[in-house]
Every structure is written in structure tokens, then in C-alpha cells.
Protein backbone atom coordinates (compact mmCIF):
# COMPACT_ATOMS: atom_id res chain seq x y z
CA MET A 1 -0.02 0.00 0.00
CA THR A 2 1.72 3.05 -1.21
CA TRP A 3 0.90 6.52 -2.70
CA SER A 4 0.50 5.23 -6.13
CA HIS A 5 -1.03 1.70 -5.35
CA TRP A 6 -3.91 1.44 -3.03
CA PHE A 7 -5.09 -2.19 -2.51
CA VAL A 8 -7.97 -1.65 0.02
CA THR A 9 -11.47 -2.14 -1.39
CA PRO A 10 -13.78 0.97 -1.58
CA ALA A 11 -15.90 -0.27 1.10
CA PHE A 12 -13.00 -0.23 3.60
CA THR A 13 -11.84 2.96 2.33
CA SER A 14 -15.27 4.63 2.80
CA LEU A 15 -15.49 3.06 6.42
CA PHE A 16 -12.02 4.43 7.47
CA PHE A 17 -12.89 7.76 5.87
CA LEU A 18 -16.10 8.24 7.77
CA LEU A 19 -14.52 7.02 11.02
CA GLY A 20 -11.60 9.58 10.30
CA VAL A 21 -14.18 12.33 9.84
CA LEU A 22 -15.58 11.58 13.18
CA THR A 23 -12.35 11.18 15.01
CA LEU A 24 -10.99 14.52 13.66
CA TYR A 25 -14.05 16.13 14.82
CA TRP A 26 -13.94 14.85 18.19
CA PHE A 27 -10.08 15.83 18.40
CA VAL A 28 -10.80 19.28 17.25
CA THR A 29 -13.53 20.02 19.70
CA ASN A 30 -11.67 18.48 22.72
CA GLN A 31 -8.66 20.56 21.88
CA LEU A 32 -10.87 23.73 21.57
CA ILE A 33 -12.61 22.95 24.87
CA HIS A 34 -9.26 22.34 26.62
CA ALA A 35 -7.85 25.73 25.23
CA LEU A 36 -10.88 27.64 26.47
CA LYS A 37 -10.63 26.01 29.92
CA LYS A 38 -6.98 26.68 30.04
CA ARG A 39 -7.77 30.50 29.41
CA GLY A 40 -10.27 30.54 32.30
CA LYS A 41 -13.29 30.23 30.27
CA HIS A 42 -16.21 27.90 31.04
CA PRO A 43 -17.75 26.99 27.62
CA ASN A 44 -21.24 25.30 27.22
CA ILE A 45 -19.76 22.10 25.94
CA GLU A 46 -22.85 20.73 24.17
CA LYS A 47 -23.42 23.93 22.46
CA LEU A 48 -19.75 24.24 21.45
CA ARG A 49 -19.78 20.61 20.08
CA ALA A 50 -23.02 21.39 18.03
CA ASN A 51 -21.76 24.69 16.63
CA VAL A 52 -18.32 23.27 15.60
CA GLY A 53 -20.04 20.20 14.28
CA VAL A 54 -22.43 22.03 11.92
CA ILE A 55 -19.43 24.13 10.52
CA TYR A 56 -17.14 21.05 10.35
CA MET A 57 -19.81 19.14 8.41
CA ILE A 58 -20.67 21.98 6.05
CA LEU A 59 -16.97 22.39 5.13
CA MET A 60 -16.63 18.54 4.66
CA VAL A 61 -19.81 18.31 2.44
CA VAL A 62 -18.73 21.24 0.22
CA ALA A 63 -15.19 19.89 -0.05
CA VAL A 64 -16.41 16.39 -1.18
CA GLN A 65 -18.93 17.87 -3.69
CA ILE A 66 -16.41 20.15 -5.30
CA SER A 67 -14.15 17.22 -5.76
CA VAL A 68 -16.75 15.31 -7.91
CA HIS A 69 -18.73 18.18 -9.16
CA GLY A 70 -19.26 17.95 -13.05
CA THR A 71 -18.10 14.40 -13.36
CA HIS A 72 -20.09 11.19 -14.01
CA ASN A 73 -19.42 10.14 -10.55
CA SER A 74 -21.01 12.99 -8.67
CA TRP A 75 -23.44 10.64 -6.95
CA VAL A 76 -20.59 8.70 -5.09
CA PHE A 77 -20.78 10.84 -2.03
CA SER A 78 -24.53 10.21 -1.45
CA ASN A 79 -23.82 8.10 1.59
CA PHE A 80 -21.71 10.78 3.07
CA LEU A 81 -24.45 13.27 2.72
CA ILE A 82 -26.82 10.94 4.50
CA PHE A 83 -24.06 10.35 7.06
CA ALA A 84 -23.69 14.09 7.53
CA MET A 85 -27.40 14.64 8.00
CA VAL A 86 -27.70 12.02 10.57
CA PHE A 87 -24.86 13.30 12.47
CA VAL A 88 -26.08 16.88 12.83
CA SER A 89 -29.65 15.96 13.37
CA TYR A 90 -29.60 12.76 15.59
CA PHE A 91 -26.24 13.12 17.40
CA LEU A 92 -25.75 16.72 17.70
CA MET A 93 -29.48 17.60 17.84
CA LEU A 94 -28.83 20.77 15.91
CA GLU A 95 -31.47 23.42 16.55
CA ILE A 96 -32.16 24.84 13.20
CA ARG A 97 -35.11 26.60 11.75
CA PHE A 98 -36.96 25.39 8.57
CA TRP A 99 -35.99 28.38 6.61
CA GLN A 100 -32.43 28.00 7.50
CA LEU A 101 -32.23 24.47 6.49
CA LEU A 102 -34.00 25.16 3.22
CA LEU A 103 -31.63 27.98 2.56
CA GLY A 104 -28.66 25.75 3.13
CA ILE A 105 -30.05 23.17 0.73
CA LEU A 106 -30.61 25.76 -1.99
CA ILE A 107 -27.07 27.02 -1.65
CA PHE A 108 -25.94 23.51 -1.97
CA MET A 109 -27.99 22.80 -5.07
CA THR A 110 -26.58 26.02 -6.60
CA VAL A 111 -22.98 25.05 -5.92
CA ASN A 112 -23.74 21.46 -7.31
CA GLY A 113 -25.52 22.90 -10.38
CA THR A 114 -28.70 21.02 -9.79
CA ILE A 115 -31.19 23.71 -8.81
CA PHE A 116 -33.15 23.41 -11.98
CA PHE A 117 -33.64 19.55 -11.77
CA SER A 118 -37.09 18.51 -10.66
CA LEU A 119 -35.55 15.26 -8.95
CA SER A 120 -33.08 17.58 -7.01
CA TRP A 121 -36.20 19.23 -5.42
CA ALA A 122 -37.78 15.83 -4.54
CA TYR A 123 -34.36 14.96 -3.04
CA ALA A 124 -34.29 18.19 -1.00
CA ALA A 125 -37.95 17.44 0.31
CA ILE A 126 -36.95 13.99 1.35
CA TYR A 127 -33.73 15.46 3.03
CA LEU A 128 -35.76 18.00 5.05
CA GLY A 129 -38.08 15.10 6.14
CA PHE A 130 -35.06 13.06 7.08
CA PHE A 131 -33.50 15.92 9.29
CA TYR A 132 -36.69 16.52 11.28
CA THR A 133 -37.57 12.79 11.46
CA MET A 134 -34.14 12.06 13.11
CA LYS A 135 -34.54 14.89 15.55
CA LEU A 136 -37.92 13.56 16.61
CA VAL A 137 -36.58 10.07 16.85
CA ARG A 138 -33.76 11.19 19.25
CA GLN A 139 -36.11 13.57 21.36
CA HIS A 140 -38.33 10.45 22.04
CA ARG A 141 -35.55 8.09 22.31
CA ASN A 142 -36.25 4.74 23.87
CA ALA A 143 -33.84 2.67 26.00
CA GLY A 144 -31.31 0.10 24.92
CA TRP A 145 -31.92 -1.91 21.73
CA LEU A 146 -35.28 -0.13 21.15
CA ALA A 147 -33.30 3.09 20.51
CA TYR A 148 -31.30 1.38 17.94
CA ILE A 149 -34.27 -0.14 16.13
CA ASP A 150 -35.92 3.34 15.98
CA TYR A 151 -32.58 4.77 14.45
CA THR A 152 -32.31 1.97 12.00
CA LEU A 153 -35.87 2.16 10.78
CA ALA A 154 -35.78 5.92 10.36
CA THR A 155 -32.27 5.88 8.61
CA LEU A 156 -33.07 2.88 6.33
CA LEU A 157 -36.48 4.28 5.26
CA PHE A 158 -34.98 7.77 4.19
CA SER A 159 -31.73 6.54 2.90
CA THR A 160 -33.59 4.08 0.55
CA ALA A 161 -35.77 6.81 -0.69
CA LEU A 162 -32.83 9.13 -1.24
CA TRP A 163 -30.83 6.26 -3.24
CA ILE A 164 -33.90 5.48 -5.32
CA LEU A 165 -33.78 9.06 -6.66
CA VAL A 166 -30.08 8.90 -7.10
CA GLY A 167 -30.46 5.74 -8.99
CA PHE A 168 -33.20 7.10 -11.08
CA ARG A 169 -31.24 10.20 -11.96
CA PHE A 170 -27.99 8.57 -12.85
CA ASP A 171 -29.64 5.44 -14.29
CA LEU A 172 -27.71 3.22 -11.81
CA PRO A 173 -28.11 -0.74 -12.21
CA ALA A 174 -30.42 -2.26 -9.45
CA TRP A 175 -27.54 -4.27 -8.10
CA THR A 176 -25.66 -1.03 -7.41
CA LEU A 177 -28.53 0.49 -5.81
CA VAL A 178 -29.25 -2.66 -3.35
CA TRP A 179 -25.43 -2.45 -2.55
CA GLU A 180 -25.32 1.22 -1.73
CA ILE A 181 -28.47 0.92 0.50
CA LEU A 182 -26.95 -1.97 2.27
CA PHE A 183 -23.59 -0.16 2.75
CA SER A 184 -25.39 2.87 3.79
CA TYR A 185 -27.10 0.97 6.59
CA PHE A 186 -23.78 -0.61 7.45
CA LEU A 187 -22.01 2.79 7.74
CA LEU A 188 -24.89 4.28 9.77
CA THR A 189 -24.71 1.45 12.13
CA ILE A 190 -20.98 1.76 12.60
CA MET A 191 -21.60 5.49 13.11
CA TYR A 192 -24.30 4.82 15.83
CA ILE A 193 -21.97 2.43 17.77
CA TYR A 194 -18.84 4.60 17.43
CA VAL A 195 -20.47 8.13 18.22
CA ASN A 196 -22.38 6.67 21.09
CA SER A 197 -19.15 5.15 22.46
CA LEU A 198 -17.45 8.58 22.17
CA MET A 199 -20.34 10.35 23.83
CA SER A 200 -20.62 7.81 26.61
CA GLY A 201 -16.86 8.11 27.32
CA ALA A 202 -17.14 11.88 27.26
CA ASN A 203 -20.17 11.82 29.63
CA THR A 204 -18.08 9.58 32.05
CA LEU A 205 -15.28 11.85 31.94
CA ALA A 206 -17.60 14.78 32.55
CA GLU A 207 -18.94 13.06 35.70
CA LEU A 208 -15.57 12.21 36.89
CA THR A 209 -14.34 15.74 36.27
CA TYR A 210 -17.42 17.16 38.19
CA THR A 211 -17.06 14.75 41.10
CA THR A 212 -13.37 15.76 41.41
CA ASN A 213 -13.91 19.45 41.06
CA TYR A 214 -17.32 20.05 42.82
CA ASP A 215 -18.49 19.65 46.44
CA GLU A 216 -21.29 17.08 46.64
CA LEU A 217 -23.29 18.82 49.25
CA THR A 218 -23.27 22.54 47.97
CA HIS A 219 -22.74 21.98 44.32
CA VAL A 220 -19.98 24.79 44.27
CA LYS A 221 -16.39 24.02 43.33
CA ASN A 222 -14.15 22.34 46.07
CA TYR A 223 -10.78 22.76 47.56
CA PHE A 224 -9.21 20.67 44.77
CA ALA A 225 -10.39 22.96 41.98
CA PHE A 226 -9.58 26.05 44.15
CA LYS A 227 -5.91 24.92 44.60
CA ASN A 228 -5.41 24.37 40.90
CA GLU A 229 -7.30 27.45 39.56
CA PHE A 230 -5.62 29.75 42.27
CA SER A 231 -2.16 28.55 41.33
CA SER A 232 -2.84 29.29 37.62
CA THR A 233 -4.64 32.55 38.33
CA PHE A 234 -1.73 33.80 40.59
CA ASP A 235 0.85 32.80 37.87
CA HIS A 236 -1.24 34.71 35.18
CA ALA A 237 -1.69 37.66 37.52
CA LYS A 238 2.06 37.89 38.23
CA VAL A 239 3.13 37.57 34.66
CA LYS A 240 0.54 40.07 33.36
CA GLY A 241 0.93 42.42 36.30
CA GLN A 242 -2.87 42.24 36.92
CA PRO A 243 -4.37 42.66 40.35
CA LEU A 244 -5.76 39.72 42.28
CA THR A 245 -7.78 39.76 45.60
CA LEU A 246 -8.68 36.82 47.75
CA MET A 247 -11.73 36.70 50.04
CA LEU A 248 -12.11 34.06 52.64
CA PHE A 249 -14.98 33.59 54.90
CA ASP A 250 -16.61 31.31 57.56
CA ILE A 251 -20.16 30.97 58.71
CA ASP A 252 -20.36 32.19 62.14
CA HIS A 253 -21.06 29.98 65.16
CA PHE A 254 -21.65 26.99 62.69
CA LYS A 255 -20.62 24.37 65.35
CA HIS A 256 -23.47 25.92 67.59
CA VAL A 257 -26.05 25.39 64.51
CA ASN A 258 -24.91 21.71 64.26
CA ASP A 259 -25.09 21.15 68.07
CA THR A 260 -28.39 22.89 68.51
CA TYR A 261 -30.31 22.03 65.39
CA GLY A 262 -28.70 18.83 64.19
CA HIS A 263 -26.38 17.99 61.29
CA LEU A 264 -29.25 18.15 58.72
CA THR A 265 -29.90 21.72 59.41
CA GLY A 266 -26.20 22.42 59.37
CA ASP A 267 -25.99 20.85 55.77
CA TYR A 268 -29.01 23.11 54.86
CA VAL A 269 -27.20 26.23 56.03
CA LEU A 270 -24.10 25.27 54.16
CA SER A 271 -26.16 24.58 50.95
CA HIS A 272 -28.32 27.69 51.32
CA VAL A 273 -25.39 29.97 51.89
CA ALA A 274 -23.55 28.71 48.93
CA GLN A 275 -26.71 28.95 46.67
CA LEU A 276 -27.18 32.48 47.72
CA ILE A 277 -23.70 33.70 47.08
CA ALA A 278 -23.26 31.63 43.89
CA ALA A 279 -26.41 33.42 42.55
CA GLN A 280 -25.20 36.80 43.74
CA LEU A 281 -21.89 36.41 42.11
CA LYS A 282 -23.65 35.81 38.69
CA THR A 283 -25.14 39.32 38.93
CA ILE A 284 -21.85 40.87 39.97
CA ASP A 285 -19.54 39.20 37.54
CA PRO A 286 -20.23 35.81 35.87
CA ALA A 287 -16.47 35.15 35.90
CA LEU A 288 -16.52 35.09 39.81
CA VAL A 289 -16.38 31.43 41.36
CA LEU A 290 -17.28 30.46 44.82
CA TYR A 291 -15.25 27.54 46.36
CA ARG A 292 -16.01 25.53 49.50
CA THR A 293 -12.37 25.04 50.78
CA GLY A 294 -13.35 23.66 54.31
CA GLY A 295 -16.03 22.60 56.46
CA GLU A 296 -17.63 25.92 56.83
CA GLU A 297 -15.11 27.95 54.92
CA PHE A 298 -15.64 29.35 51.55
CA THR A 299 -13.31 31.23 49.26
CA ILE A 300 -13.86 33.60 46.23
CA LEU A 301 -11.00 34.67 43.82
CA PHE A 302 -11.44 38.31 42.64
CA ASN A 303 -9.26 37.90 39.54
CA ASN A 304 -8.32 41.31 37.99
CA TYR A 305 -9.85 43.09 41.00
CA THR A 306 -7.93 45.41 43.37
CA ALA A 307 -9.09 45.17 47.06
CA ASP A 308 -10.80 48.52 46.68
CA GLN A 309 -12.63 47.33 43.55
CA ALA A 310 -13.73 44.22 45.44
CA ARG A 311 -14.72 46.06 48.73
CA GLU A 312 -18.29 46.94 47.70
CA HIS A 313 -18.98 43.44 46.44
CA VAL A 314 -17.51 41.87 49.57
CA ALA A 315 -19.75 43.92 51.69
CA ALA A 316 -22.62 43.19 49.66
CA ILE A 317 -22.21 39.40 49.95
CA ALA A 318 -21.92 39.68 53.85
CA ASP A 319 -24.99 41.78 53.94
CA ASN A 320 -26.93 39.42 51.54
CA VAL A 321 -26.12 36.40 54.02
CA ARG A 322 -26.89 38.40 57.01
CA ASP A 323 -30.45 39.57 55.60
CA ALA A 324 -31.26 36.16 54.14
CA GLU A 325 -34.07 33.92 55.68
CA PHE A 326 -32.80 30.61 57.00
CA HIS A 327 -35.83 28.31 58.10
CA HIS A 328 -35.41 24.55 58.63
CA ASN A 329 -37.44 22.08 60.61
CA ASP A 330 -39.57 24.91 61.85
CA ASN A 331 -36.47 26.73 63.09
CA ASP A 332 -35.61 30.28 62.11
CA ILE A 333 -31.77 30.67 62.31
CA ASP A 334 -29.71 33.90 62.13
CA ILE A 335 -26.63 33.54 59.92
CA SER A 336 -23.77 35.82 59.34
CA ILE A 337 -20.19 35.33 58.00
CA SER A 338 -16.72 36.52 59.12
CA VAL A 339 -14.51 37.66 56.30
CA GLY A 340 -10.93 38.18 55.53
CA VAL A 341 -9.75 39.98 52.27
CA THR A 342 -6.34 40.88 50.84
CA GLN A 343 -4.87 41.83 47.56
CA MET A 344 -1.84 40.25 45.95
CA LYS A 345 1.31 42.33 46.75
CA GLY A 346 4.59 42.82 44.76
CA ASN A 347 6.63 40.73 47.24
CA ASP A 348 4.36 37.70 47.30
CA GLU A 349 6.38 34.79 46.13
CA GLY A 350 3.60 32.35 45.82
CA GLN A 351 -0.08 32.04 46.32
CA VAL A 352 0.46 30.66 49.84
CA ASP A 353 1.53 34.16 50.76
CA ILE A 354 -1.80 35.68 49.93
CA TYR A 355 -3.83 32.92 51.44
CA LYS A 356 -1.99 33.16 54.69
CA ARG A 357 -2.65 36.87 54.87
CA ALA A 358 -6.29 36.37 53.88
CA ASP A 359 -6.66 33.68 56.55
CA GLN A 360 -5.06 36.04 59.31
CA ASN A 361 -7.60 38.69 58.35
CA LEU A 362 -10.38 36.20 58.64
CA TYR A 363 -9.32 35.12 62.12
CA TYR A 364 -9.14 38.84 63.08
CA SER A 365 -12.73 39.15 62.15
CA LYS A 366 -13.58 36.06 64.25
CA ARG A 367 -11.66 37.13 67.18
CA HIS A 368 -13.16 40.63 67.25
CA GLY A 369 -16.91 39.85 67.39
CA ARG A 370 -17.48 38.01 64.11
CA ASP A 371 -19.86 39.18 61.47
CA GLN A 372 -17.49 41.63 59.98
CA VAL A 373 -14.97 42.13 57.22
CA THR A 374 -11.25 42.71 57.64
CA PHE A 375 -9.02 43.98 54.73
CA GLY A 376 -5.24 43.91 54.95
């Protein structure tokens, strides 16, 4: 097998081509997600995969059509068009309006030089029905083998209809049509197994990542996530000369809450405080993140904020907790927080220096009456 001699049958070539298309797509999206996260972004992974997927498939479809446009073999990529349609409708569940899809088909027919053929319009009508049928099948997806049966029946029905039109237009022999329909079914089955395995692996990885980085009780990020993100944020701020402010706070008299009302109430207080502040941070700055870094201790990184810029927000957070209603098991509980805040200084050699200073300010607040904020 060399550049000039290729001894693999077309069936195997097609299979490896389609698997390569899927693998490259998965690689590109994973690299993009990784790059965005490395820059401190928090992308919507499903939306990103869908948007990249449709752009990727459009480019692939245009590329393969240009390669055979105007030749007597312009029908040979019909299975790839079916493959692309199933991928964006069933697996990506692309949200697209009817007029947008119709416009895309018209552009494709124009590029392909088939806009004045009546059979092309019949092909387009079936293609539109194919898209929305696959979305409907996915939205009402059954479990296990029933999902595969629904998928198979829908894809086989529409791919057969499309191939009959292709065969009629290009006057293909009956045995060629039968072979292409069976091969279409084979490719779509391989895609079903392969893409589902990729997505299953991605979902498992996402669950493991969530478990590793998020606190199970409060659903905010945990100490492990804080340690990693604080390190990278500190290094970035040091290199770029940007300000960085750290806020540490404890829930006041939390042991008394546990001893008086029980641990279930204590868990409620932790969860409610976390939810209150996480929601408040979204209104202040969506880039701000709340971490649970200890039993009743929480931390917020004010990246690119000076202490003076963060001061108003810190006070608002403390006020929000103090003014909130905490009611559990017929008990009304007054909750407040003690806070320590500090800004990165020029002589700080590492993030530990900032953390120690913020921790000292926190304990100053606790030793001098609690329910207060100490800057330093």
C-alpha cells in the first residue's frame, strides 16, 4: 500500500474515511474545549460541540462535492451526505429553523448545479423530512435496543428513498442500488456504535471531572479545584501585572448550629449560603467563582480586581447572607459570616503568601466579634 497503489477495497476506504471524519471532529472539539478552559473560560460544551459540528460538516460536504462536481461520478458521496445529515440531526440535535435548512439546501443545489432539476427538489424534500424525523426520533429516544431499532428504521427508510432518486437520475443498475443501500445501513450502524461510545466516554469523563472538582453537598467548586485554579490565576496575574484579590469567609457559630439543630440543619445552612452567594456572584460578575475550601469555610477569587474594587462586592455578599432567611425544621436561624480579604502584593512569592494573609484577616474578624470584614 503506497501513494501510487492502493489495494484496499472502496468499502473499507469509505469506512475508514467516515471514522476519520468523526475522530478528527472529536479531536478538534476536545482541543478547543481544553484551550478555552486553560484560558479560564467555562464553555457550554454541548453547544460548542454542536456549533463546531455543523461548521465542520458543512466544510466537509462542500469539499467532497467540489471534488466530484461535473463528473459522471457525482453521486458517489451520497452516503456521506446521508451520514452528515444523521450526524447533525440525531447526534448533535442541531437546533435549526426550517427556512435556515432550506436556505442551506438551496445554496448546496446552486453550488452543485442541480437547482433546475425536478428530481433535486424531490431529493431536497426527502432530505428535509429526514432531518426533522431524526430529531424527533432522538427527542423521543427509547432505552437500549429499542433506540437502535428506531434509529435503524428511520435511517433505512430515508436512505432508501434518497438512493432510489439518485439511482433514477444517474440510471444506476439495480444491484448497485441494493449494494449502496445496504452499505449505507452498515455505515450508519457503525456510526451509531462509534459516536455513542465517544459520547458515553465523554459523559463518564464529565461525571468524573464534576466529582473531582465540585462539592457534593453545596454543588460549588471544592478545595481541589480552588488549589489548581488559584495557582494558575496567581501565575497569570504575576506575569501580566494584573491585580488579584482573595476573599475567605467562615459561617459564624456553625458548630453551635450543628449542636443545637442537628447536622441536617447544618447541611441546609451550608447549601443555602452557597446557593445565595453563587447566585449573587452571577449578577456581580459571571467570571467570579465560589469555592468551598473547608467545613464551613468558603473562598472567592476576585481575578483582576484590586481590594478597593472588590470592597463593595464583599460587603454586599456579607449583607446578603445576614439579611437572608434561614428556616429549617420549623426553626428560624440567624446566619452571618466573618470575612478576611487581601490583595496580591509585589513581594508575594507564591499564592500561599496571599492565602496566609487572607486567613489571618479572617481570624481577626472572628476574634473581634464576628460578622465583620477585615481587609489587609
